[in-house]
Amino acid sequence: MNNLSKYFSEFLGTFFLVCTVVGSGFMAQNLYSESLGGMLLANTIATGAILVVLINVFNELSDSHFNPVVSFCFFLKKSISFIEMLFLWISQIIGGFFGTIIANIMFKNKYISVSSVDRLGFNLFLSEIIATFGLILIIFILSTKKNKFNTGIAVGLYITSAYWFTSSTSLANPAVTIARVFTENFTGISPNSVLYFVTAQFLGGISAMVVMRFFNEK
C-alpha cells in the first residue's frame, strides 16, 4: 500500500464521515424540526453507523484515522513519521471540507455557509477533553489486545453514547470540527469556537496517551 492510497483513503473516509454528520443534520431538521431530541437522535444514529462502516472498510488501506488527533497520537507512538502525519491531516481536513459542501448541495443549501452556532463555555471545553480522551483510549487499548473487539464497532458505539453523555455532543475530531464551520444547520460550529474545541481535543488525546503509557508499563 503506497502513501498516496493511504492519503486518498483518509480523504474519502473523512469525506463520508462529515457528509453523514452534516447531511443527517439537514435530514433531521426536515423531519423533526419541532423536536431537538429527535434531531439529535437521528444525527447520532447516522454518525455511529457510518463510523462502524468506514473504519472496517478503510482499516486495511489507511488504518482508518479520519481524525488529526488520532494521527497525532500515532505519531507520538512513533508509528508514523511527522511528514506522514502532516499529509494525513491535510487529507482529513480537505476531505471533511468537501463532505460539508456536498451535504449542503444535496439539501439545496448554499455551497458554503458560515455557521453562527456558538459553542463556548468551560463545560463544552471539558466535554471535548473527555470525549476525545475516551475515543483515543479505546482505539489504543484495543490496538494492544490480541483478541481485540472490533475497533469500528467500539468507536461507533462510543461516539453514539458520547453524543448524549457530553454537553458538546462529542465532536472529538479537529477535521470534523473545522468542516462543520461551513454549514448552517444545527450540527455547525461558529469560527470563534473552533480553536476552543480543537485545543480541548488535542488535550484529550495527549491525556489518553499519558494514561496508555502507564498501562504499558504494567
N, C-alpha and C. Protein backbone atom coordinates (compact mmCIF):
# COMPACT_ATOMS: atom_id res chain seq x y z
N MET A 1 0.85 -1.20 0.00
CA MET A 1 0.00 0.00 0.00
C MET A 1 0.89 1.25 0.00
N ASN A 2 0.79 2.06 -1.06
CA ASN A 2 1.60 3.27 -1.11
C ASN A 2 0.93 4.41 -0.35
N ASN A 3 1.73 5.44 -0.08
CA ASN A 3 1.23 6.55 0.73
C ASN A 3 0.10 7.30 0.05
N LEU A 4 0.14 7.38 -1.29
CA LEU A 4 -0.91 8.09 -2.00
C LEU A 4 -2.27 7.42 -1.75
N SER A 5 -2.29 6.10 -1.77
CA SER A 5 -3.53 5.37 -1.50
C SER A 5 -3.99 5.60 -0.06
N LYS A 6 -3.03 5.66 0.84
CA LYS A 6 -3.35 5.91 2.25
C LYS A 6 -4.00 7.28 2.43
N TYR A 7 -3.40 8.29 1.82
CA TYR A 7 -3.92 9.64 1.98
C TYR A 7 -5.28 9.79 1.30
N PHE A 8 -5.44 9.15 0.14
CA PHE A 8 -6.73 9.22 -0.54
C PHE A 8 -7.81 8.50 0.27
N SER A 9 -7.43 7.42 0.92
CA SER A 9 -8.38 6.70 1.79
C SER A 9 -8.81 7.57 2.96
N GLU A 10 -7.85 8.31 3.52
CA GLU A 10 -8.19 9.22 4.62
C GLU A 10 -9.09 10.36 4.14
N PHE A 11 -8.82 10.83 2.92
CA PHE A 11 -9.68 11.86 2.33
C PHE A 11 -11.11 11.32 2.17
N LEU A 12 -11.25 10.15 1.58
CA LEU A 12 -12.57 9.57 1.33
C LEU A 12 -13.30 9.26 2.64
N GLY A 13 -12.58 8.67 3.58
CA GLY A 13 -13.21 8.31 4.85
C GLY A 13 -13.72 9.52 5.60
N THR A 14 -12.90 10.58 5.65
CA THR A 14 -13.32 11.79 6.35
C THR A 14 -14.42 12.50 5.59
N PHE A 15 -14.35 12.43 4.26
CA PHE A 15 -15.41 13.00 3.42
C PHE A 15 -16.76 12.37 3.78
N PHE A 16 -16.83 11.05 3.79
CA PHE A 16 -18.10 10.38 4.07
C PHE A 16 -18.54 10.57 5.52
N LEU A 17 -17.58 10.65 6.44
CA LEU A 17 -17.92 10.88 7.83
C LEU A 17 -18.61 12.24 8.00
N VAL A 18 -17.99 13.29 7.46
CA VAL A 18 -18.56 14.64 7.60
C VAL A 18 -19.84 14.78 6.79
N CYS A 19 -19.86 14.18 5.60
CA CYS A 19 -21.07 14.23 4.78
C CYS A 19 -22.24 13.61 5.52
N THR A 20 -21.97 12.55 6.27
CA THR A 20 -23.01 11.89 7.06
C THR A 20 -23.46 12.76 8.22
N VAL A 21 -22.49 13.34 8.94
CA VAL A 21 -22.83 14.19 10.08
C VAL A 21 -23.68 15.38 9.64
N VAL A 22 -23.20 16.09 8.64
CA VAL A 22 -23.89 17.30 8.19
C VAL A 22 -25.18 16.95 7.44
N GLY A 23 -25.10 15.96 6.56
CA GLY A 23 -26.29 15.57 5.80
C GLY A 23 -27.41 15.06 6.68
N SER A 24 -27.07 14.23 7.66
CA SER A 24 -28.11 13.74 8.57
C SER A 24 -28.65 14.87 9.44
N GLY A 25 -27.83 15.92 9.64
CA GLY A 25 -28.31 17.10 10.35
C GLY A 25 -29.42 17.80 9.58
N PHE A 26 -29.22 17.92 8.27
CA PHE A 26 -30.27 18.51 7.43
C PHE A 26 -31.53 17.64 7.42
N MET A 27 -31.33 16.33 7.23
CA MET A 27 -32.48 15.42 7.19
C MET A 27 -33.23 15.46 8.51
N ALA A 28 -32.49 15.48 9.61
CA ALA A 28 -33.12 15.53 10.93
C ALA A 28 -33.95 16.80 11.10
N GLN A 29 -33.41 17.93 10.63
CA GLN A 29 -34.17 19.18 10.72
C GLN A 29 -35.43 19.13 9.87
N ASN A 30 -35.35 18.49 8.72
CA ASN A 30 -36.53 18.38 7.85
C ASN A 30 -37.62 17.52 8.48
N LEU A 31 -37.19 16.47 9.19
CA LEU A 31 -38.15 15.52 9.75
C LEU A 31 -38.61 15.87 11.16
N TYR A 32 -37.71 16.45 11.95
CA TYR A 32 -38.01 16.67 13.37
C TYR A 32 -37.78 18.12 13.77
N SER A 33 -38.21 19.05 12.95
CA SER A 33 -37.91 20.46 13.19
C SER A 33 -38.45 20.97 14.53
N GLU A 34 -39.46 20.31 15.06
CA GLU A 34 -40.05 20.74 16.33
C GLU A 34 -39.46 19.99 17.54
N SER A 35 -38.55 19.06 17.27
CA SER A 35 -38.02 18.23 18.35
C SER A 35 -36.50 18.18 18.29
N LEU A 36 -35.84 18.90 19.22
CA LEU A 36 -34.38 18.87 19.27
C LEU A 36 -33.88 17.48 19.60
N GLY A 37 -34.62 16.77 20.47
CA GLY A 37 -34.24 15.41 20.82
C GLY A 37 -34.29 14.49 19.61
N GLY A 38 -35.33 14.64 18.79
CA GLY A 38 -35.45 13.83 17.58
C GLY A 38 -34.34 14.11 16.60
N MET A 39 -33.97 15.39 16.47
CA MET A 39 -32.87 15.75 15.57
C MET A 39 -31.55 15.15 16.04
N LEU A 40 -31.30 15.25 17.34
CA LEU A 40 -30.05 14.73 17.88
C LEU A 40 -29.99 13.21 17.75
N LEU A 41 -31.11 12.54 17.98
CA LEU A 41 -31.15 11.08 17.88
C LEU A 41 -30.85 10.64 16.45
N ALA A 42 -31.47 11.28 15.47
CA ALA A 42 -31.24 10.92 14.08
C ALA A 42 -29.78 11.14 13.70
N ASN A 43 -29.23 12.27 14.11
CA ASN A 43 -27.84 12.59 13.83
C ASN A 43 -26.89 11.60 14.50
N THR A 44 -27.23 11.20 15.70
CA THR A 44 -26.42 10.24 16.45
C THR A 44 -26.37 8.89 15.77
N ILE A 45 -27.53 8.36 15.41
CA ILE A 45 -27.60 7.03 14.79
C ILE A 45 -26.81 7.00 13.48
N ALA A 46 -26.99 8.03 12.65
CA ALA A 46 -26.29 8.08 11.37
C ALA A 46 -24.77 8.13 11.57
N THR A 47 -24.32 8.95 12.52
CA THR A 47 -22.88 9.10 12.75
C THR A 47 -22.27 7.82 13.30
N GLY A 48 -22.90 7.21 14.29
CA GLY A 48 -22.38 5.97 14.85
C GLY A 48 -22.32 4.86 13.82
N ALA A 49 -23.36 4.77 13.00
CA ALA A 49 -23.41 3.72 11.98
C ALA A 49 -22.33 3.89 10.93
N ILE A 50 -22.14 5.12 10.45
CA ILE A 50 -21.15 5.33 9.39
C ILE A 50 -19.74 5.08 9.91
N LEU A 51 -19.49 5.36 11.17
CA LEU A 51 -18.15 5.10 11.73
C LEU A 51 -17.83 3.61 11.71
N VAL A 52 -18.80 2.78 12.07
CA VAL A 52 -18.59 1.33 12.03
C VAL A 52 -18.21 0.90 10.62
N VAL A 53 -18.95 1.39 9.65
CA VAL A 53 -18.72 1.02 8.25
C VAL A 53 -17.36 1.52 7.76
N LEU A 54 -17.10 2.81 7.94
CA LEU A 54 -15.89 3.40 7.39
C LEU A 54 -14.62 2.82 8.00
N ILE A 55 -14.61 2.61 9.31
CA ILE A 55 -13.42 2.07 9.96
C ILE A 55 -13.12 0.66 9.46
N ASN A 56 -14.15 -0.14 9.27
CA ASN A 56 -13.95 -1.50 8.77
C ASN A 56 -13.56 -1.53 7.30
N VAL A 57 -14.14 -0.64 6.50
CA VAL A 57 -13.84 -0.61 5.06
C VAL A 57 -12.42 -0.14 4.80
N PHE A 58 -11.99 0.91 5.49
CA PHE A 58 -10.70 1.53 5.18
C PHE A 58 -9.56 1.10 6.10
N ASN A 59 -9.82 0.22 7.03
CA ASN A 59 -8.80 -0.14 8.01
C ASN A 59 -7.53 -0.71 7.37
N GLU A 60 -7.69 -1.53 6.34
CA GLU A 60 -6.53 -2.13 5.69
C GLU A 60 -5.83 -1.14 4.76
N LEU A 61 -6.49 -0.05 4.41
CA LEU A 61 -5.94 0.91 3.46
C LEU A 61 -5.19 2.04 4.15
N SER A 62 -5.71 2.51 5.29
CA SER A 62 -5.08 3.68 5.91
C SER A 62 -5.09 3.64 7.44
N ASP A 63 -5.53 2.54 8.03
CA ASP A 63 -5.71 2.41 9.48
C ASP A 63 -6.90 3.22 9.99
N SER A 64 -7.65 3.82 9.07
CA SER A 64 -8.91 4.49 9.40
C SER A 64 -8.78 5.51 10.53
N HIS A 65 -7.89 6.48 10.36
CA HIS A 65 -7.77 7.54 11.36
C HIS A 65 -8.96 8.50 11.25
N PHE A 66 -9.09 9.17 10.11
CA PHE A 66 -10.15 10.15 9.83
C PHE A 66 -10.21 11.25 10.89
N ASN A 67 -9.10 11.47 11.57
CA ASN A 67 -9.10 12.36 12.73
C ASN A 67 -7.67 12.81 13.01
N PRO A 68 -7.35 14.10 12.92
CA PRO A 68 -5.99 14.58 13.18
C PRO A 68 -5.45 14.22 14.57
N VAL A 69 -6.32 14.14 15.56
CA VAL A 69 -5.84 13.76 16.90
C VAL A 69 -5.38 12.31 16.91
N VAL A 70 -6.12 11.44 16.23
CA VAL A 70 -5.72 10.04 16.13
C VAL A 70 -4.36 9.93 15.43
N SER A 71 -4.21 10.64 14.33
CA SER A 71 -2.93 10.62 13.60
C SER A 71 -1.80 11.17 14.47
N PHE A 72 -2.09 12.24 15.20
CA PHE A 72 -1.09 12.83 16.10
C PHE A 72 -0.65 11.82 17.17
N CYS A 73 -1.59 11.08 17.70
CA CYS A 73 -1.26 10.09 18.73
C CYS A 73 -0.46 8.93 18.16
N PHE A 74 -0.74 8.54 16.91
CA PHE A 74 0.08 7.52 16.27
C PHE A 74 1.49 8.05 16.01
N PHE A 75 1.60 9.36 15.75
CA PHE A 75 2.92 9.98 15.61
C PHE A 75 3.66 9.94 16.95
N LEU A 76 2.97 10.27 18.04
CA LEU A 76 3.59 10.22 19.36
C LEU A 76 4.07 8.80 19.69
N LYS A 77 3.33 7.83 19.21
CA LYS A 77 3.68 6.42 19.42
C LYS A 77 4.80 5.97 18.47
N LYS A 78 5.20 6.86 17.55
CA LYS A 78 6.23 6.60 16.55
C LYS A 78 5.82 5.54 15.53
N SER A 79 4.51 5.45 15.30
CA SER A 79 4.01 4.52 14.29
C SER A 79 4.02 5.16 12.90
N ILE A 80 4.00 6.49 12.85
CA ILE A 80 4.08 7.21 11.58
C ILE A 80 5.06 8.36 11.75
N SER A 81 5.57 8.85 10.63
CA SER A 81 6.53 9.96 10.69
C SER A 81 5.78 11.30 10.76
N PHE A 82 6.55 12.34 11.04
CA PHE A 82 5.96 13.68 11.10
C PHE A 82 5.37 14.08 9.75
N ILE A 83 6.08 13.78 8.67
CA ILE A 83 5.60 14.13 7.33
C ILE A 83 4.32 13.36 7.01
N GLU A 84 4.29 12.07 7.35
CA GLU A 84 3.07 11.29 7.14
C GLU A 84 1.90 11.90 7.90
N MET A 85 2.15 12.30 9.14
CA MET A 85 1.10 12.91 9.94
C MET A 85 0.56 14.18 9.28
N LEU A 86 1.47 15.01 8.77
CA LEU A 86 1.04 16.25 8.12
C LEU A 86 0.17 15.97 6.90
N PHE A 87 0.58 14.99 6.08
CA PHE A 87 -0.21 14.67 4.89
C PHE A 87 -1.55 14.03 5.27
N LEU A 88 -1.57 13.28 6.36
CA LEU A 88 -2.85 12.73 6.84
C LEU A 88 -3.76 13.86 7.28
N TRP A 89 -3.21 14.83 8.00
CA TRP A 89 -4.01 15.99 8.44
C TRP A 89 -4.61 16.72 7.23
N ILE A 90 -3.76 16.96 6.23
CA ILE A 90 -4.24 17.68 5.04
C ILE A 90 -5.36 16.89 4.36
N SER A 91 -5.17 15.58 4.22
CA SER A 91 -6.18 14.72 3.58
C SER A 91 -7.48 14.75 4.36
N GLN A 92 -7.39 14.68 5.68
CA GLN A 92 -8.57 14.66 6.54
C GLN A 92 -9.32 15.99 6.49
N ILE A 93 -8.59 17.09 6.59
CA ILE A 93 -9.23 18.41 6.61
C ILE A 93 -9.90 18.72 5.27
N ILE A 94 -9.20 18.41 4.17
CA ILE A 94 -9.79 18.65 2.85
C ILE A 94 -10.99 17.73 2.63
N GLY A 95 -10.87 16.47 3.03
CA GLY A 95 -11.98 15.54 2.90
C GLY A 95 -13.20 16.00 3.66
N GLY A 96 -12.99 16.47 4.89
CA GLY A 96 -14.09 16.97 5.70
C GLY A 96 -14.74 18.19 5.08
N PHE A 97 -13.92 19.09 4.55
CA PHE A 97 -14.44 20.31 3.92
C PHE A 97 -15.36 19.96 2.75
N PHE A 98 -14.91 19.06 1.88
CA PHE A 98 -15.74 18.66 0.74
C PHE A 98 -16.97 17.87 1.18
N GLY A 99 -16.86 17.15 2.27
CA GLY A 99 -18.02 16.45 2.81
C GLY A 99 -19.13 17.42 3.19
N THR A 100 -18.75 18.53 3.79
CA THR A 100 -19.73 19.57 4.14
C THR A 100 -20.34 20.20 2.90
N ILE A 101 -19.51 20.53 1.92
CA ILE A 101 -20.01 21.16 0.70
C ILE A 101 -21.04 20.27 0.00
N ILE A 102 -20.71 18.99 -0.14
CA ILE A 102 -21.62 18.06 -0.82
C ILE A 102 -22.92 17.90 -0.04
N ALA A 103 -22.83 17.83 1.28
CA ALA A 103 -24.05 17.74 2.10
C ALA A 103 -24.91 18.98 1.93
N ASN A 104 -24.27 20.15 1.91
CA ASN A 104 -25.01 21.40 1.69
C ASN A 104 -25.75 21.37 0.35
N ILE A 105 -25.05 20.93 -0.69
CA ILE A 105 -25.64 20.91 -2.03
C ILE A 105 -26.80 19.91 -2.10
N MET A 106 -26.61 18.73 -1.51
CA MET A 106 -27.65 17.69 -1.57
C MET A 106 -28.95 18.16 -0.94
N PHE A 107 -28.84 19.03 0.06
CA PHE A 107 -30.05 19.51 0.73
C PHE A 107 -30.40 20.94 0.33
N LYS A 108 -29.94 21.33 -0.88
CA LYS A 108 -30.32 22.59 -1.50
C LYS A 108 -30.02 23.81 -0.65
N ASN A 109 -28.84 23.80 -0.04
CA ASN A 109 -28.37 24.96 0.70
C ASN A 109 -27.20 25.59 -0.05
N LYS A 110 -26.75 26.73 0.41
CA LYS A 110 -25.58 27.36 -0.18
C LYS A 110 -24.40 26.40 -0.11
N TYR A 111 -23.58 26.41 -1.14
CA TYR A 111 -22.41 25.52 -1.17
C TYR A 111 -21.59 25.68 0.11
N ILE A 112 -21.34 26.92 0.47
CA ILE A 112 -20.58 27.22 1.69
C ILE A 112 -21.32 28.29 2.48
N SER A 113 -21.63 27.99 3.71
CA SER A 113 -22.20 28.95 4.63
C SER A 113 -21.36 28.93 5.90
N VAL A 114 -21.28 30.04 6.57
CA VAL A 114 -20.52 30.10 7.82
C VAL A 114 -21.49 29.97 8.99
N SER A 115 -21.25 28.98 9.83
CA SER A 115 -22.15 28.70 10.94
C SER A 115 -22.15 29.83 11.97
N SER A 116 -23.30 30.03 12.57
CA SER A 116 -23.43 31.02 13.64
C SER A 116 -23.68 30.34 14.99
N VAL A 117 -23.49 29.02 15.03
CA VAL A 117 -23.75 28.26 16.27
C VAL A 117 -22.53 28.38 17.19
N ASP A 118 -22.63 29.24 18.20
CA ASP A 118 -21.53 29.39 19.15
C ASP A 118 -21.50 28.21 20.11
N ARG A 119 -20.30 27.69 20.31
CA ARG A 119 -20.11 26.58 21.25
C ARG A 119 -18.96 26.96 22.18
N LEU A 120 -19.26 27.80 23.15
CA LEU A 120 -18.26 28.30 24.07
C LEU A 120 -18.69 28.01 25.51
N GLY A 121 -17.73 27.92 26.39
CA GLY A 121 -18.02 27.66 27.79
C GLY A 121 -17.12 26.55 28.31
N PHE A 122 -16.75 26.64 29.58
CA PHE A 122 -15.85 25.64 30.16
C PHE A 122 -16.46 24.25 30.11
N ASN A 123 -17.79 24.15 30.25
CA ASN A 123 -18.43 22.83 30.21
C ASN A 123 -18.21 22.15 28.87
N LEU A 124 -18.26 22.92 27.78
CA LEU A 124 -18.03 22.34 26.45
C LEU A 124 -16.55 21.99 26.25
N PHE A 125 -15.69 22.85 26.77
CA PHE A 125 -14.24 22.58 26.69
C PHE A 125 -13.91 21.27 27.41
N LEU A 126 -14.44 21.11 28.61
CA LEU A 126 -14.23 19.89 29.37
C LEU A 126 -14.84 18.69 28.66
N SER A 127 -16.02 18.87 28.09
CA SER A 127 -16.69 17.79 27.37
C SER A 127 -15.84 17.27 26.22
N GLU A 128 -15.22 18.19 25.48
CA GLU A 128 -14.39 17.76 24.35
C GLU A 128 -13.11 17.07 24.81
N ILE A 129 -12.57 17.49 25.94
CA ILE A 129 -11.41 16.78 26.50
C ILE A 129 -11.80 15.35 26.85
N ILE A 130 -12.91 15.20 27.55
CA ILE A 130 -13.37 13.87 27.98
C ILE A 130 -13.74 13.01 26.78
N ALA A 131 -14.47 13.59 25.83
CA ALA A 131 -14.90 12.83 24.65
C ALA A 131 -13.69 12.31 23.86
N THR A 132 -12.70 13.16 23.64
CA THR A 132 -11.54 12.76 22.86
C THR A 132 -10.64 11.83 23.65
N PHE A 133 -10.52 12.07 24.94
CA PHE A 133 -9.75 11.17 25.82
C PHE A 133 -10.29 9.75 25.71
N GLY A 134 -11.61 9.61 25.83
CA GLY A 134 -12.21 8.28 25.76
C GLY A 134 -12.02 7.63 24.40
N LEU A 135 -12.16 8.41 23.34
CA LEU A 135 -12.00 7.89 21.99
C LEU A 135 -10.60 7.34 21.77
N ILE A 136 -9.59 8.13 22.13
CA ILE A 136 -8.21 7.71 21.92
C ILE A 136 -7.87 6.51 22.81
N LEU A 137 -8.35 6.52 24.02
CA LEU A 137 -8.09 5.41 24.93
C LEU A 137 -8.65 4.11 24.36
N ILE A 138 -9.85 4.15 23.85
CA ILE A 138 -10.47 2.95 23.27
C ILE A 138 -9.66 2.44 22.09
N ILE A 139 -9.28 3.35 21.19
CA ILE A 139 -8.53 2.95 19.99
C ILE A 139 -7.22 2.29 20.37
N PHE A 140 -6.47 2.87 21.30
CA PHE A 140 -5.14 2.36 21.61
C PHE A 140 -5.17 1.16 22.54
N ILE A 141 -6.13 1.07 23.42
CA ILE A 141 -6.25 -0.14 24.24
C ILE A 141 -6.59 -1.33 23.35
N LEU A 142 -7.53 -1.13 22.43
CA LEU A 142 -7.90 -2.22 21.53
C LEU A 142 -6.74 -2.61 20.61
N SER A 143 -5.91 -1.66 20.25
CA SER A 143 -4.78 -1.96 19.36
C SER A 143 -3.72 -2.82 20.04
N THR A 144 -3.73 -2.88 21.38
CA THR A 144 -2.74 -3.68 22.10
C THR A 144 -3.25 -5.07 22.45
N LYS A 145 -4.52 -5.34 22.20
CA LYS A 145 -5.10 -6.63 22.55
C LYS A 145 -4.99 -7.61 21.39
N LYS A 146 -4.62 -8.87 21.71
CA LYS A 146 -4.51 -9.89 20.67
C LYS A 146 -5.89 -10.30 20.17
N ASN A 147 -6.79 -10.58 21.09
CA ASN A 147 -8.16 -10.92 20.71
C ASN A 147 -9.01 -9.67 20.87
N LYS A 148 -8.86 -8.74 19.94
CA LYS A 148 -9.48 -7.44 20.13
C LYS A 148 -10.90 -7.38 19.60
N PHE A 149 -11.69 -6.65 20.35
CA PHE A 149 -13.06 -6.35 19.92
C PHE A 149 -12.96 -5.48 18.67
N ASN A 150 -13.87 -5.64 17.74
CA ASN A 150 -13.85 -4.86 16.51
C ASN A 150 -13.78 -3.36 16.81
N THR A 151 -12.70 -2.73 16.34
CA THR A 151 -12.49 -1.31 16.64
C THR A 151 -13.58 -0.43 16.05
N GLY A 152 -14.03 -0.75 14.85
CA GLY A 152 -15.08 0.03 14.23
C GLY A 152 -16.35 0.04 15.05
N ILE A 153 -16.74 -1.14 15.54
CA ILE A 153 -17.94 -1.23 16.37
C ILE A 153 -17.74 -0.47 17.67
N ALA A 154 -16.56 -0.62 18.27
CA ALA A 154 -16.28 0.04 19.54
C ALA A 154 -16.34 1.56 19.39
N VAL A 155 -15.70 2.09 18.34
CA VAL A 155 -15.68 3.54 18.13
C VAL A 155 -17.08 4.05 17.79
N GLY A 156 -17.78 3.32 16.94
CA GLY A 156 -19.14 3.73 16.58
C GLY A 156 -20.05 3.80 17.80
N LEU A 157 -19.97 2.77 18.65
CA LEU A 157 -20.80 2.76 19.86
C LEU A 157 -20.38 3.84 20.84
N TYR A 158 -19.08 4.07 20.94
CA TYR A 158 -18.60 5.10 21.87
C TYR A 158 -19.08 6.48 21.45
N ILE A 159 -18.92 6.82 20.17
CA ILE A 159 -19.36 8.13 19.71
C ILE A 159 -20.87 8.27 19.82
N THR A 160 -21.59 7.18 19.57
CA THR A 160 -23.05 7.20 19.74
C THR A 160 -23.42 7.58 21.17
N SER A 161 -22.74 6.98 22.13
CA SER A 161 -23.04 7.29 23.54
C SER A 161 -22.52 8.67 23.92
N ALA A 162 -21.36 9.05 23.38
CA ALA A 162 -20.76 10.34 23.74
C ALA A 162 -21.58 11.52 23.21
N TYR A 163 -22.34 11.31 22.14
CA TYR A 163 -23.27 12.35 21.68
C TYR A 163 -24.21 12.77 22.81
N TRP A 164 -24.50 11.79 23.69
CA TRP A 164 -25.51 12.02 24.73
C TRP A 164 -24.95 12.27 26.12
N PHE A 165 -23.76 11.76 26.42
CA PHE A 165 -23.25 11.98 27.78
C PHE A 165 -22.32 13.19 27.87
N THR A 166 -22.03 13.85 26.73
CA THR A 166 -21.24 15.08 26.78
C THR A 166 -22.10 16.26 26.34
N SER A 167 -21.88 17.40 26.94
CA SER A 167 -22.68 18.58 26.59
C SER A 167 -22.28 19.17 25.24
N SER A 168 -21.11 18.77 24.72
CA SER A 168 -20.64 19.27 23.42
C SER A 168 -21.10 18.39 22.27
N THR A 169 -21.79 17.30 22.57
CA THR A 169 -22.19 16.25 21.61
C THR A 169 -20.99 15.63 20.91
N SER A 170 -19.85 15.66 21.58
CA SER A 170 -18.67 14.90 21.19
C SER A 170 -18.25 15.05 19.73
N LEU A 171 -17.74 16.23 19.38
CA LEU A 171 -17.14 16.36 18.05
C LEU A 171 -15.86 15.53 17.99
N ALA A 172 -14.99 15.70 19.00
CA ALA A 172 -13.82 14.85 19.23
C ALA A 172 -12.93 14.65 18.02
N ASN A 173 -12.91 15.62 17.10
CA ASN A 173 -12.18 15.45 15.85
C ASN A 173 -11.95 16.83 15.22
N PRO A 174 -10.70 17.30 15.15
CA PRO A 174 -10.44 18.63 14.58
C PRO A 174 -10.88 18.78 13.13
N ALA A 175 -10.72 17.74 12.31
CA ALA A 175 -11.12 17.84 10.90
C ALA A 175 -12.63 18.00 10.78
N VAL A 176 -13.37 17.25 11.59
CA VAL A 176 -14.83 17.36 11.60
C VAL A 176 -15.24 18.73 12.15
N THR A 177 -14.55 19.19 13.17
CA THR A 177 -14.85 20.49 13.77
C THR A 177 -14.68 21.61 12.75
N ILE A 178 -13.56 21.61 12.04
CA ILE A 178 -13.29 22.64 11.04
C ILE A 178 -14.33 22.58 9.92
N ALA A 179 -14.65 21.37 9.48
CA ALA A 179 -15.60 21.19 8.38
C ALA A 179 -16.99 21.71 8.74
N ARG A 180 -17.37 21.55 9.99
CA ARG A 180 -18.71 21.93 10.42
C ARG A 180 -18.89 23.44 10.57
N VAL A 181 -17.82 24.20 10.36
CA VAL A 181 -17.93 25.66 10.31
C VAL A 181 -18.75 26.08 9.09
N PHE A 182 -18.71 25.27 8.02
CA PHE A 182 -19.22 25.70 6.73
C PHE A 182 -20.62 25.20 6.41
N THR A 183 -21.46 25.08 7.43
CA THR A 183 -22.86 24.71 7.22
C THR A 183 -23.74 25.49 8.18
N GLU A 184 -25.00 25.66 7.80
CA GLU A 184 -25.91 26.46 8.62
C GLU A 184 -26.80 25.62 9.52
N ASN A 185 -26.77 24.29 9.40
CA ASN A 185 -27.70 23.52 10.23
C ASN A 185 -27.20 23.36 11.67
N PHE A 186 -27.95 22.66 12.49
CA PHE A 186 -27.65 22.63 13.92
C PHE A 186 -26.35 21.89 14.25
N THR A 187 -25.78 21.18 13.28
CA THR A 187 -24.50 20.50 13.52
C THR A 187 -23.32 21.45 13.40
N GLY A 188 -23.55 22.68 12.95
CA GLY A 188 -22.47 23.62 12.70
C GLY A 188 -21.79 24.12 13.96
N ILE A 189 -20.67 24.79 13.75
CA ILE A 189 -19.93 25.41 14.85
C ILE A 189 -19.35 26.72 14.32
N SER A 190 -19.50 27.78 15.06
CA SER A 190 -19.03 29.08 14.59
C SER A 190 -17.50 29.14 14.58
N PRO A 191 -16.91 29.94 13.71
CA PRO A 191 -15.45 30.03 13.61
C PRO A 191 -14.78 30.38 14.93
N ASN A 192 -15.42 31.23 15.75
CA ASN A 192 -14.79 31.64 17.00
C ASN A 192 -14.76 30.54 18.05
N SER A 193 -15.42 29.42 17.77
CA SER A 193 -15.43 28.30 18.71
C SER A 193 -14.44 27.20 18.32
N VAL A 194 -13.88 27.29 17.11
CA VAL A 194 -13.07 26.19 16.58
C VAL A 194 -11.80 25.96 17.38
N LEU A 195 -11.03 27.03 17.60
CA LEU A 195 -9.77 26.88 18.34
C LEU A 195 -10.02 26.32 19.73
N TYR A 196 -11.09 26.77 20.34
CA TYR A 196 -11.51 26.31 21.66
C TYR A 196 -11.68 24.80 21.67
N PHE A 197 -12.42 24.29 20.66
CA PHE A 197 -12.69 22.86 20.57
C PHE A 197 -11.45 22.06 20.20
N VAL A 198 -10.71 22.54 19.22
CA VAL A 198 -9.53 21.81 18.75
C VAL A 198 -8.48 21.69 19.86
N THR A 199 -8.30 22.76 20.63
CA THR A 199 -7.36 22.71 21.75
C THR A 199 -7.78 21.65 22.76
N ALA A 200 -9.06 21.61 23.08
CA ALA A 200 -9.57 20.60 24.03
C ALA A 200 -9.39 19.20 23.48
N GLN A 201 -9.60 19.03 22.17
CA GLN A 201 -9.46 17.70 21.56
C GLN A 201 -8.02 17.19 21.64
N PHE A 202 -7.07 18.05 21.34
CA PHE A 202 -5.67 17.62 21.44
C PHE A 202 -5.27 17.37 22.89
N LEU A 203 -5.79 18.17 23.82
CA LEU A 203 -5.51 17.91 25.24
C LEU A 203 -6.06 16.55 25.65
N GLY A 204 -7.25 16.23 25.17
CA GLY A 204 -7.83 14.93 25.47
C GLY A 204 -7.01 13.79 24.90
N GLY A 205 -6.52 13.96 23.67
CA GLY A 205 -5.70 12.93 23.05
C GLY A 205 -4.38 12.72 23.77
N ILE A 206 -3.71 13.82 24.13
CA ILE A 206 -2.44 13.73 24.85
C ILE A 206 -2.64 13.07 26.21
N SER A 207 -3.72 13.42 26.89
CA SER A 207 -4.02 12.82 28.20
C SER A 207 -4.21 11.32 28.08
N ALA A 208 -4.87 10.90 27.02
CA ALA A 208 -5.08 9.47 26.80
C ALA A 208 -3.76 8.74 26.57
N MET A 209 -2.85 9.37 25.84
CA MET A 209 -1.55 8.74 25.59
C MET A 209 -0.72 8.63 26.86
N VAL A 210 -0.87 9.60 27.76
CA VAL A 210 -0.18 9.53 29.06
C VAL A 210 -0.71 8.34 29.85
N VAL A 211 -2.01 8.17 29.85
CA VAL A 211 -2.62 7.02 30.55
C VAL A 211 -2.19 5.72 29.90
N MET A 212 -2.12 5.68 28.56
CA MET A 212 -1.68 4.47 27.87
C MET A 212 -0.26 4.10 28.24
N ARG A 213 0.57 5.11 28.43
CA ARG A 213 1.96 4.83 28.84
C ARG A 213 1.99 4.16 30.21
N PHE A 214 1.11 4.61 31.09
CA PHE A 214 1.01 3.98 32.41
C PHE A 214 0.56 2.53 32.28
N PHE A 215 -0.43 2.28 31.43
CA PHE A 215 -0.90 0.91 31.22
C PHE A 215 0.21 0.02 30.64
N ASN A 216 0.98 0.57 29.70
CA ASN A 216 2.01 -0.21 29.03
C ASN A 216 3.17 -0.58 29.94
N GLU A 217 3.29 0.17 31.05
CA GLU A 217 4.36 -0.13 32.00
C GLU A 217 3.97 -1.24 32.96
N LYS A 218 2.67 -1.59 32.95
CA LYS A 218 2.19 -2.63 33.85
C LYS A 218 2.51 -4.03 33.33
